[in-house]
PDB file of N, CA and C in Angstrom:
ATOM      1  N   UNK A   1      60.155 259.503-187.795  1.00  0.00           N
ATOM      2  CA  UNK A   1      59.287 260.429-187.067  1.00  0.00           C
ATOM      3  C   UNK A   1      59.186 261.715-187.880  1.00  0.00           C
ATOM      4  N   UNK A   2      57.985 262.093-188.225  1.00  0.00           N
ATOM      5  CA  UNK A   2      57.804 263.309-189.014  1.00  0.00           C
ATOM      6  C   UNK A   2      57.771 264.559-188.145  1.00  0.00           C
ATOM      7  N   UNK A   3      57.469 264.412-186.886  1.00  0.00           N
ATOM      8  CA  UNK A   3      57.436 265.552-185.981  1.00  0.00           C
ATOM      9  C   UNK A   3      58.833 265.805-185.429  1.00  0.00           C
ATOM     10  N   UNK A   4      59.293 267.035-185.503  1.00  0.00           N
ATOM     11  CA  UNK A   4      60.601 267.398-184.966  1.00  0.00           C
ATOM     12  C   UNK A   4      60.421 268.256-183.712  1.00  0.00           C
ATOM     13  N   UNK A   5      60.654 267.680-182.577  1.00  0.00           N
ATOM     14  CA  UNK A   5      60.523 268.374-181.299  1.00  0.00           C
ATOM     15  C   UNK A   5      61.669 269.355-181.095  1.00  0.00           C
ATOM     16  N   UNK A   6      61.352 270.462-180.449  1.00  0.00           N
ATOM     17  CA  UNK A   6      62.402 271.426-180.104  1.00  0.00           C
ATOM     18  C   UNK A   6      63.243 270.919-178.930  1.00  0.00           C
ATOM     19  N   UNK A   7      62.807 269.836-178.300  1.00  0.00           N
ATOM     20  CA  UNK A   7      63.533 269.263-177.157  1.00  0.00           C
ATOM     21  C   UNK A   7      64.360 268.041-177.541  1.00  0.00           C
ATOM     22  N   UNK A   8      64.351 267.678-178.808  1.00  0.00           N
ATOM     23  CA  UNK A   8      64.981 266.423-179.241  1.00  0.00           C
ATOM     24  C   UNK A   8      66.465 266.392-178.894  1.00  0.00           C
ATOM     25  N   UNK A   9      66.814 265.326-178.157  1.00  0.00           N
ATOM     26  CA  UNK A   9      68.213 265.050-177.789  1.00  0.00           C
ATOM     27  C   UNK A   9      68.350 263.543-177.644  1.00  0.00           C
ATOM     28  N   UNK A  10      69.577 263.064-177.712  1.00  0.00           N
ATOM     29  CA  UNK A  10      69.839 261.625-177.613  1.00  0.00           C
ATOM     30  C   UNK A  10      69.356 261.043-176.283  1.00  0.00           C
ATOM     31  N   UNK A  11      69.596 261.753-175.175  1.00  0.00           N
ATOM     32  CA  UNK A  11      69.184 261.211-173.876  1.00  0.00           C
ATOM     33  C   UNK A  11      67.662 261.156-173.746  1.00  0.00           C
ATOM     34  N   UNK A  12      66.977 262.114-174.345  1.00  0.00           N
ATOM     35  CA  UNK A  12      65.507 262.094-174.313  1.00  0.00           C
ATOM     36  C   UNK A  12      64.985 260.987-175.222  1.00  0.00           C
ATOM     37  N   UNK A  13      65.625 260.809-176.379  1.00  0.00           N
ATOM     38  CA  UNK A  13      65.270 259.679-177.254  1.00  0.00           C
ATOM     39  C   UNK A  13      65.347 258.368-176.478  1.00  0.00           C
ATOM     40  N   UNK A  14      66.432 258.179-175.720  1.00  0.00           N
ATOM     41  CA  UNK A  14      66.613 256.940-174.955  1.00  0.00           C
ATOM     42  C   UNK A  14      65.549 256.792-173.870  1.00  0.00           C
ATOM     43  N   UNK A  15      65.185 257.892-173.225  1.00  0.00           N
ATOM     44  CA  UNK A  15      64.115 257.839-172.222  1.00  0.00           C
ATOM     45  C   UNK A  15      62.817 257.384-172.878  1.00  0.00           C
ATOM     46  N   UNK A  16      62.458 257.991-174.008  1.00  0.00           N
ATOM     47  CA  UNK A  16      61.213 257.637-174.682  1.00  0.00           C
ATOM     48  C   UNK A  16      61.247 256.207-175.209  1.00  0.00           C
ATOM     49  N   UNK A  17      62.409 255.745-175.651  1.00  0.00           N
ATOM     50  CA  UNK A  17      62.534 254.352-176.073  1.00  0.00           C
ATOM     51  C   UNK A  17      62.284 253.411-174.891  1.00  0.00           C
ATOM     52  N   UNK A  18      62.760 253.811-173.710  1.00  0.00           N
ATOM     53  CA  UNK A  18      62.502 253.012-172.506  1.00  0.00           C
ATOM     54  C   UNK A  18      61.010 252.991-172.183  1.00  0.00           C
ATOM     55  N   UNK A  19      60.355 254.143-172.267  1.00  0.00           N
ATOM     56  CA  UNK A  19      58.910 254.220-171.991  1.00  0.00           C
ATOM     57  C   UNK A  19      58.144 253.328-172.963  1.00  0.00           C
ATOM     58  N   UNK A  20      58.548 253.312-174.210  1.00  0.00           N
ATOM     59  CA  UNK A  20      57.866 252.478-175.205  1.00  0.00           C
ATOM     60  C   UNK A  20      58.016 250.985-174.926  1.00  0.00           C
ATOM     61  N   UNK A  21      58.945 250.601-174.084  1.00  0.00           N
ATOM     62  CA  UNK A  21      59.124 249.196-173.709  1.00  0.00           C
ATOM     63  C   UNK A  21      58.238 248.772-172.542  1.00  0.00           C
ATOM     64  N   UNK A  22      57.567 249.712-171.894  1.00  0.00           N
ATOM     65  CA  UNK A  22      56.662 249.365-170.802  1.00  0.00           C
ATOM     66  C   UNK A  22      55.502 248.564-171.366  1.00  0.00           C
ATOM     67  N   UNK A  23      55.237 247.413-170.761  1.00  0.00           N
ATOM     68  CA  UNK A  23      54.252 246.487-171.330  1.00  0.00           C
ATOM     69  C   UNK A  23      52.874 246.565-170.688  1.00  0.00           C
ATOM     70  N   UNK A  24      52.809 246.994-169.447  1.00  0.00           N
ATOM     71  CA  UNK A  24      51.515 247.022-168.779  1.00  0.00           C
ATOM     72  C   UNK A  24      51.531 248.055-167.652  1.00  0.00           C
ATOM     73  N   UNK A  25      50.402 248.179-166.979  1.00  0.00           N
ATOM     74  CA  UNK A  25      50.266 249.170-165.916  1.00  0.00           C
ATOM     75  C   UNK A  25      51.263 248.931-164.780  1.00  0.00           C
ATOM     76  N   UNK A  26      51.506 247.663-164.447  1.00  0.00           N
ATOM     77  CA  UNK A  26      52.484 247.368-163.397  1.00  0.00           C
ATOM     78  C   UNK A  26      53.873 247.872-163.791  1.00  0.00           C
ATOM     79  N   UNK A  27      54.281 247.638-165.038  1.00  0.00           N
ATOM     80  CA  UNK A  27      55.557 248.172-165.521  1.00  0.00           C
ATOM     81  C   UNK A  27      55.600 249.691-165.363  1.00  0.00           C
ATOM     82  N   UNK A  28      54.489 250.343-165.703  1.00  0.00           N
ATOM     83  CA  UNK A  28      54.426 251.806-165.597  1.00  0.00           C
ATOM     84  C   UNK A  28      54.610 252.258-164.151  1.00  0.00           C
ATOM     85  N   UNK A  29      53.881 251.637-163.241  1.00  0.00           N
ATOM     86  CA  UNK A  29      54.021 252.005-161.830  1.00  0.00           C
ATOM     87  C   UNK A  29      55.460 251.814-161.356  1.00  0.00           C
ATOM     88  N   UNK A  30      56.030 250.671-161.664  1.00  0.00           N
ATOM     89  CA  UNK A  30      57.394 250.380-161.201  1.00  0.00           C
ATOM     90  C   UNK A  30      58.402 251.372-161.790  1.00  0.00           C
ATOM     91  N   UNK A  31      58.308 251.619-163.096  1.00  0.00           N
ATOM     92  CA  UNK A  31      59.252 252.512-163.767  1.00  0.00           C
ATOM     93  C   UNK A  31      59.101 253.954-163.263  1.00  0.00           C
ATOM     94  N   UNK A  32      57.867 254.448-163.254  1.00  0.00           N
ATOM     95  CA  UNK A  32      57.665 255.847-162.862  1.00  0.00           C
ATOM     96  C   UNK A  32      57.926 256.079-161.375  1.00  0.00           C
ATOM     97  N   UNK A  33      57.680 255.087-160.532  1.00  0.00           N
ATOM     98  CA  UNK A  33      58.025 255.232-159.119  1.00  0.00           C
ATOM     99  C   UNK A  33      59.527 255.338-158.933  1.00  0.00           C
ATOM    100  N   UNK A  34      60.285 254.689-159.778  1.00  0.00           N
ATOM    101  CA  UNK A  34      61.743 254.767-159.698  1.00  0.00           C
ATOM    102  C   UNK A  34      62.292 256.049-160.325  1.00  0.00           C
ATOM    103  N   UNK A  35      61.699 256.492-161.419  1.00  0.00           N
ATOM    104  CA  UNK A  35      62.287 257.601-162.173  1.00  0.00           C
ATOM    105  C   UNK A  35      61.774 258.978-161.731  1.00  0.00           C
ATOM    106  N   UNK A  36      60.602 259.009-161.114  1.00  0.00           N
ATOM    107  CA  UNK A  36      59.994 260.281-160.687  1.00  0.00           C
ATOM    108  C   UNK A  36      59.802 260.305-159.174  1.00  0.00           C
ATOM    109  N   UNK A  37      59.707 261.511-158.640  1.00  0.00           N
ATOM    110  CA  UNK A  37      59.292 261.645-157.248  1.00  0.00           C
ATOM    111  C   UNK A  37      57.770 261.483-157.191  1.00  0.00           C
ATOM    112  N   UNK A  38      57.246 261.255-156.001  1.00  0.00           N
ATOM    113  CA  UNK A  38      55.801 261.157-155.828  1.00  0.00           C
ATOM    114  C   UNK A  38      55.138 262.448-156.312  1.00  0.00           C
ATOM    115  N   UNK A  39      55.725 263.595-155.965  1.00  0.00           N
ATOM    116  CA  UNK A  39      55.144 264.876-156.379  1.00  0.00           C
ATOM    117  C   UNK A  39      55.147 265.040-157.894  1.00  0.00           C
ATOM    118  N   UNK A  40      56.195 264.563-158.563  1.00  0.00           N
ATOM    119  CA  UNK A  40      56.241 264.645-160.028  1.00  0.00           C
ATOM    120  C   UNK A  40      55.148 263.783-160.662  1.00  0.00           C
ATOM    121  N   UNK A  41      54.952 262.585-160.139  1.00  0.00           N
ATOM    122  CA  UNK A  41      53.887 261.710-160.651  1.00  0.00           C
ATOM    123  C   UNK A  41      52.533 262.358-160.437  1.00  0.00           C
ATOM    124  N   UNK A  42      52.307 262.928-159.247  1.00  0.00           N
ATOM    125  CA  UNK A  42      51.036 263.592-158.971  1.00  0.00           C
ATOM    126  C   UNK A  42      50.820 264.784-159.904  1.00  0.00           C
ATOM    127  N   UNK A  43      51.868 265.549-160.148  1.00  0.00           N
ATOM    128  CA  UNK A  43      51.761 266.724-161.027  1.00  0.00           C
ATOM    129  C   UNK A  43      51.425 266.302-162.456  1.00  0.00           C
ATOM    130  N   UNK A  44      52.064 265.251-162.941  1.00  0.00           N
ATOM    131  CA  UNK A  44      51.789 264.760-164.298  1.00  0.00           C
ATOM    132  C   UNK A  44      50.346 264.247-164.375  1.00  0.00           C
ATOM    133  N   UNK A  45      49.920 263.490-163.370  1.00  0.00           N
ATOM    134  CA  UNK A  45      48.557 262.960-163.348  1.00  0.00           C
ATOM    135  C   UNK A  45      47.538 264.108-163.303  1.00  0.00           C
ATOM    136  N   UNK A  46      47.849 265.139-162.523  1.00  0.00           N
ATOM    137  CA  UNK A  46      46.954 266.297-162.443  1.00  0.00           C
ATOM    138  C   UNK A  46      46.839 266.985-163.805  1.00  0.00           C
ATOM    139  N   UNK A  47      47.964 267.165-164.493  1.00  0.00           N
ATOM    140  CA  UNK A  47      47.942 267.789-165.825  1.00  0.00           C
ATOM    141  C   UNK A  47      47.102 266.970-166.794  1.00  0.00           C
ATOM    142  N   UNK A  48      47.236 265.657-166.713  1.00  0.00           N
ATOM    143  CA  UNK A  48      46.450 264.787-167.587  1.00  0.00           C
ATOM    144  C   UNK A  48      44.951 264.952-167.313  1.00  0.00           C
ATOM    145  N   UNK A  49      44.578 265.003-166.029  1.00  0.00           N
ATOM    146  CA  UNK A  49      43.166 265.188-165.674  1.00  0.00           C
ATOM    147  C   UNK A  49      42.653 266.538-166.173  1.00  0.00           C
ATOM    148  N   UNK A  50      43.465 267.569-166.045  1.00  0.00           N
ATOM    149  CA  UNK A  50      43.085 268.898-166.539  1.00  0.00           C
ATOM    150  C   UNK A  50      42.854 268.834-168.048  1.00  0.00           C
ATOM    151  N   UNK A  51      43.756 268.198-168.776  1.00  0.00           N
ATOM    152  CA  UNK A  51      43.606 268.085-170.232  1.00  0.00           C
ATOM    153  C   UNK A  51      42.315 267.345-170.594  1.00  0.00           C
ATOM    154  N   UNK A  52      42.026 266.266-169.880  1.00  0.00           N
ATOM    155  CA  UNK A  52      40.793 265.519-170.138  1.00  0.00           C
ATOM    156  C   UNK A  52      39.572 266.393-169.904  1.00  0.00           C
ATOM    157  N   UNK A  53      39.566 267.116-168.786  1.00  0.00           N
ATOM    158  CA  UNK A  53      38.416 267.954-168.448  1.00  0.00           C
ATOM    159  C   UNK A  53      38.263 269.122-169.426  1.00  0.00           C
ATOM    160  N   UNK A  54      39.379 269.705-169.854  1.00  0.00           N
ATOM    161  CA  UNK A  54      39.307 270.770-170.860  1.00  0.00           C
ATOM    162  C   UNK A  54      38.732 270.221-172.165  1.00  0.00           C
ATOM    163  N   UNK A  55      39.125 269.020-172.531  1.00  0.00           N
ATOM    164  CA  UNK A  55      38.609 268.416-173.768  1.00  0.00           C
ATOM    165  C   UNK A  55      37.117 268.114-173.659  1.00  0.00           C
ATOM    166  N   UNK A  56      36.619 267.982-172.423  1.00  0.00           N
ATOM    167  CA  UNK A  56      35.189 267.757-172.177  1.00  0.00           C
ATOM    168  C   UNK A  56      34.441 269.080-172.018  1.00  0.00           C
ATOM    169  N   UNK A  57      35.143 270.185-172.286  1.00  0.00           N
ATOM    170  CA  UNK A  57      34.568 271.540-172.240  1.00  0.00           C
ATOM    171  C   UNK A  57      34.143 271.985-170.841  1.00  0.00           C
ATOM    172  N   UNK A  58      34.818 271.462-169.819  1.00  0.00           N
ATOM    173  CA  UNK A  58      34.554 271.911-168.450  1.00  0.00           C
ATOM    174  C   UNK A  58      35.130 273.316-168.272  1.00  0.00           C
ATOM    175  N   UNK A  59      34.548 274.069-167.359  1.00  0.00           N
ATOM    176  CA  UNK A  59      35.031 275.423-167.098  1.00  0.00           C
ATOM    177  C   UNK A  59      36.272 275.384-166.213  1.00  0.00           C
ATOM    178  N   UNK A  60      37.014 276.489-166.222  1.00  0.00           N
ATOM    179  CA  UNK A  60      38.188 276.581-165.347  1.00  0.00           C
ATOM    180  C   UNK A  60      37.786 276.360-163.896  1.00  0.00           C
ATOM    181  N   UNK A  61      36.668 276.927-163.481  1.00  0.00           N
ATOM    182  CA  UNK A  61      36.223 276.763-162.088  1.00  0.00           C
ATOM    183  C   UNK A  61      35.934 275.305-161.764  1.00  0.00           C
ATOM    184  N   UNK A  62      35.269 274.605-162.676  1.00  0.00           N
ATOM    185  CA  UNK A  62      34.979 273.184-162.454  1.00  0.00           C
ATOM    186  C   UNK A  62      36.277 272.378-162.374  1.00  0.00           C
ATOM    187  N   UNK A  63      37.204 272.692-163.261  1.00  0.00           N
ATOM    188  CA  UNK A  63      38.475 271.967-163.296  1.00  0.00           C
ATOM    189  C   UNK A  63      39.288 272.245-162.046  1.00  0.00           C
ATOM    190  N   UNK A  64      39.326 273.502-161.638  1.00  0.00           N
ATOM    191  CA  UNK A  64      40.064 273.888-160.428  1.00  0.00           C
ATOM    192  C   UNK A  64      39.495 273.164-159.213  1.00  0.00           C
ATOM    193  N   UNK A  65      38.169 273.101-159.128  1.00  0.00           N
ATOM    194  CA  UNK A  65      37.515 272.437-158.000  1.00  0.00           C
ATOM    195  C   UNK A  65      37.782 270.930-158.006  1.00  0.00           C
ATOM    196  N   UNK A  66      37.734 270.317-159.166  1.00  0.00           N
ATOM    197  CA  UNK A  66      37.914 268.871-159.289  1.00  0.00           C
ATOM    198  C   UNK A  66      39.361 268.441-159.075  1.00  0.00           C
ATOM    199  N   UNK A  67      40.300 269.177-159.688  1.00  0.00           N
ATOM    200  CA  UNK A  67      41.701 268.740-159.704  1.00  0.00           C
ATOM    201  C   UNK A  67      42.597 269.458-158.706  1.00  0.00           C
ATOM    202  N   UNK A  68      42.124 270.582-158.194  1.00  0.00           N
ATOM    203  CA  UNK A  68      42.927 271.462-157.305  1.00  0.00           C
ATOM    204  C   UNK A  68      44.098 272.100-158.055  1.00  0.00           C
ATOM    205  N   UNK A  69      44.058 272.069-159.385  1.00  0.00           N
ATOM    206  CA  UNK A  69      45.095 272.724-160.190  1.00  0.00           C
ATOM    207  C   UNK A  69      44.870 274.234-160.156  1.00  0.00           C
ATOM    208  N   UNK A  70      45.947 274.969-160.231  1.00  0.00           N
ATOM    209  CA  UNK A  70      45.841 276.427-160.278  1.00  0.00           C
ATOM    210  C   UNK A  70      45.309 276.853-161.643  1.00  0.00           C
ATOM    211  N   UNK A  71      44.758 278.056-161.695  1.00  0.00           N
ATOM    212  CA  UNK A  71      44.284 278.565-162.977  1.00  0.00           C
ATOM    213  C   UNK A  71      45.454 278.749-163.944  1.00  0.00           C
ATOM    214  N   UNK A  72      46.641 279.020-163.426  1.00  0.00           N
ATOM    215  CA  UNK A  72      47.824 279.138-164.287  1.00  0.00           C
ATOM    216  C   UNK A  72      48.138 277.799-164.960  1.00  0.00           C
ATOM    217  N   UNK A  73      48.051 276.710-164.203  1.00  0.00           N
ATOM    218  CA  UNK A  73      48.285 275.377-164.759  1.00  0.00           C
ATOM    219  C   UNK A  73      47.215 275.039-165.792  1.00  0.00           C
ATOM    220  N   UNK A  74      45.966 275.326-165.466  1.00  0.00           N
ATOM    221  CA  UNK A  74      44.866 275.050-166.390  1.00  0.00           C
ATOM    222  C   UNK A  74      45.063 275.838-167.681  1.00  0.00           C
ATOM    223  N   UNK A  75      45.426 277.087-167.548  1.00  0.00           N
ATOM    224  CA  UNK A  75      45.653 277.940-168.714  1.00  0.00           C
ATOM    225  C   UNK A  75      46.800 277.428-169.580  1.00  0.00           C
ATOM    226  N   UNK A  76      47.873 276.997-168.940  1.00  0.00           N
ATOM    227  CA  UNK A  76      49.042 276.473-169.660  1.00  0.00           C
ATOM    228  C   UNK A  76      48.662 275.211-170.449  1.00  0.00           C
ATOM    229  N   UNK A  77      47.868 274.349-169.841  1.00  0.00           N
ATOM    230  CA  UNK A  77      47.449 273.122-170.519  1.00  0.00           C
ATOM    231  C   UNK A  77      46.473 273.447-171.645  1.00  0.00           C
ATOM    232  N   UNK A  78      45.597 274.403-171.416  1.00  0.00           N
ATOM    233  CA  UNK A  78      44.661 274.841-172.455  1.00  0.00           C
ATOM    234  C   UNK A  78      45.430 275.388-173.659  1.00  0.00           C
ATOM    235  N   UNK A  79      46.490 276.128-173.384  1.00  0.00           N
ATOM    236  CA  UNK A  79      47.332 276.665-174.455  1.00  0.00           C
ATOM    237  C   UNK A  79      47.970 275.514-175.244  1.00  0.00           C
ATOM    238  N   UNK A  80      48.431 274.485-174.536  1.00  0.00           N
ATOM    239  CA  UNK A  80      49.009 273.313-175.208  1.00  0.00           C
ATOM    240  C   UNK A  80      47.969 272.613-176.084  1.00  0.00           C
ATOM    241  N   UNK A  81      46.745 272.513-175.589  1.00  0.00           N
ATOM    242  CA  UNK A  81      45.689 271.863-176.364  1.00  0.00           C
ATOM    243  C   UNK A  81      45.405 272.613-177.661  1.00  0.00           C
ATOM    244  N   UNK A  82      45.536 273.928-177.633  1.00  0.00           N
ATOM    245  CA  UNK A  82      45.216 274.739-178.808  1.00  0.00           C
ATOM    246  C   UNK A  82      46.420 275.021-179.703  1.00  0.00           C
ATOM    247  N   UNK A  83      47.597 275.183-179.117  1.00  0.00           N
ATOM    248  CA  UNK A  83      48.758 275.630-179.889  1.00  0.00           C
ATOM    249  C   UNK A  83      49.991 274.741-179.724  1.00  0.00           C
ATOM    250  N   UNK A  84      49.839 273.640-179.016  1.00  0.00           N
ATOM    251  CA  UNK A  84      50.996 272.798-178.716  1.00  0.00           C
ATOM    252  C   UNK A  84      51.298 271.782-179.796  1.00  0.00           C
ATOM    253  N   UNK A  85      51.957 270.718-179.405  1.00  0.00           N
ATOM    254  CA  UNK A  85      52.430 269.678-180.324  1.00  0.00           C
ATOM    255  C   UNK A  85      51.380 268.601-180.598  1.00  0.00           C
ATOM    256  N   UNK A  86      50.175 268.778-180.102  1.00  0.00           N
ATOM    257  CA  UNK A  86      49.064 267.826-180.261  1.00  0.00           C
ATOM    258  C   UNK A  86      49.258 266.530-179.477  1.00  0.00           C
ATOM    259  N   UNK A  87      50.162 266.522-178.528  1.00  0.00           N
ATOM    260  CA  UNK A  87      50.385 265.323-177.720  1.00  0.00           C
ATOM    261  C   UNK A  87      49.162 264.935-176.905  1.00  0.00           C
ATOM    262  N   UNK A  88      48.588 265.908-176.202  1.00  0.00           N
ATOM    263  CA  UNK A  88      47.380 265.612-175.418  1.00  0.00           C
ATOM    264  C   UNK A  88      46.267 265.116-176.342  1.00  0.00           C
ATOM    265  N   UNK A  89      46.006 265.854-177.408  1.00  0.00           N
ATOM    266  CA  UNK A  89      44.890 265.526-178.309  1.00  0.00           C
ATOM    267  C   UNK A  89      45.033 264.136-178.928  1.00  0.00           C
ATOM    268  N   UNK A  90      46.237 263.783-179.335  1.00  0.00           N
ATOM    269  CA  UNK A  90      46.454 262.465-179.948  1.00  0.00           C
ATOM    270  C   UNK A  90      46.097 261.346-178.975  1.00  0.00           C
ATOM    271  N   UNK A  91      46.542 261.481-177.739  1.00  0.00           N
ATOM    272  CA  UNK A  91      46.302 260.413-176.757  1.00  0.00           C
ATOM    273  C   UNK A  91      44.857 260.430-176.274  1.00  0.00           C
ATOM    274  N   UNK A  92      44.284 261.606-176.100  1.00  0.00           N
ATOM    275  CA  UNK A  92      42.861 261.684-175.734  1.00  0.00           C
ATOM    276  C   UNK A  92      42.007 260.997-176.796  1.00  0.00           C
ATOM    277  N   UNK A  93      42.319 261.232-178.055  1.00  0.00           N
ATOM    278  CA  UNK A  93      41.582 260.605-179.157  1.00  0.00           C
ATOM    279  C   UNK A  93      41.734 259.083-179.129  1.00  0.00           C
ATOM    280  N   UNK A  94      42.941 258.616-178.906  1.00  0.00           N
ATOM    281  CA  UNK A  94      43.178 257.159-178.854  1.00  0.00           C
ATOM    282  C   UNK A  94      42.436 256.523-177.686  1.00  0.00           C
ATOM    283  N   UNK A  95      42.406 257.234-176.563  1.00  0.00           N
ATOM    284  CA  UNK A  95      41.700 256.679-175.396  1.00  0.00           C
ATOM    285  C   UNK A  95      40.197 256.621-175.656  1.00  0.00           C
ATOM    286  N   UNK A  96      39.641 257.616-176.330  1.00  0.00           N
ATOM    287  CA  UNK A  96      38.218 257.597-176.673  1.00  0.00           C
ATOM    288  C   UNK A  96      37.911 256.414-177.587  1.00  0.00           C
ATOM    289  N   UNK A  97      38.766 256.199-178.600  1.00  0.00           N
ATOM    290  CA  UNK A  97      38.558 255.080-179.516  1.00  0.00           C
ATOM    291  C   UNK A  97      38.657 253.740-178.794  1.00  0.00           C
ATOM    292  N   UNK A  98      39.576 253.657-177.851  1.00  0.00           N
ATOM    293  CA  UNK A  98      39.773 252.406-177.103  1.00  0.00           C
ATOM    294  C   UNK A  98      38.558 252.073-176.242  1.00  0.00           C
ATOM    295  N   UNK A  99      37.890 253.106-175.705  1.00  0.00           N
ATOM    296  CA  UNK A  99      36.714 252.889-174.855  1.00  0.00           C
ATOM    297  C   UNK A  99      35.503 252.402-175.642  1.00  0.00           C
ATOM    298  N   UNK A 100      35.470 252.671-176.952  1.00  0.00           N
ATOM    299  CA  UNK A 100      34.310 252.295-177.777  1.00  0.00           C
ATOM    300  C   UNK A 100      34.270 250.820-178.073  1.00  0.00           C
TER     301      UNK A 100
END
């Protein structure tokens, strides 16, 4: 791995190795329902939707109305898109390619 995360630890490595073993959507639902609370899953899904909408150049008002995310959350995700680890951008790009 060429990217060195500031969060890198053995237990996080093991979590990510487990995630990489998920084979399909059913595996994802089962694993995340066990490992996260319903609110945590909803929060992660909301952040993902915000990132998608920001990448589509939607306004904060449009995103807030669509996702019910706070402007603080939208701003934090926008900051990640511009100055973060490129995690959102990498996956957004892969999803666009997959749809083609």
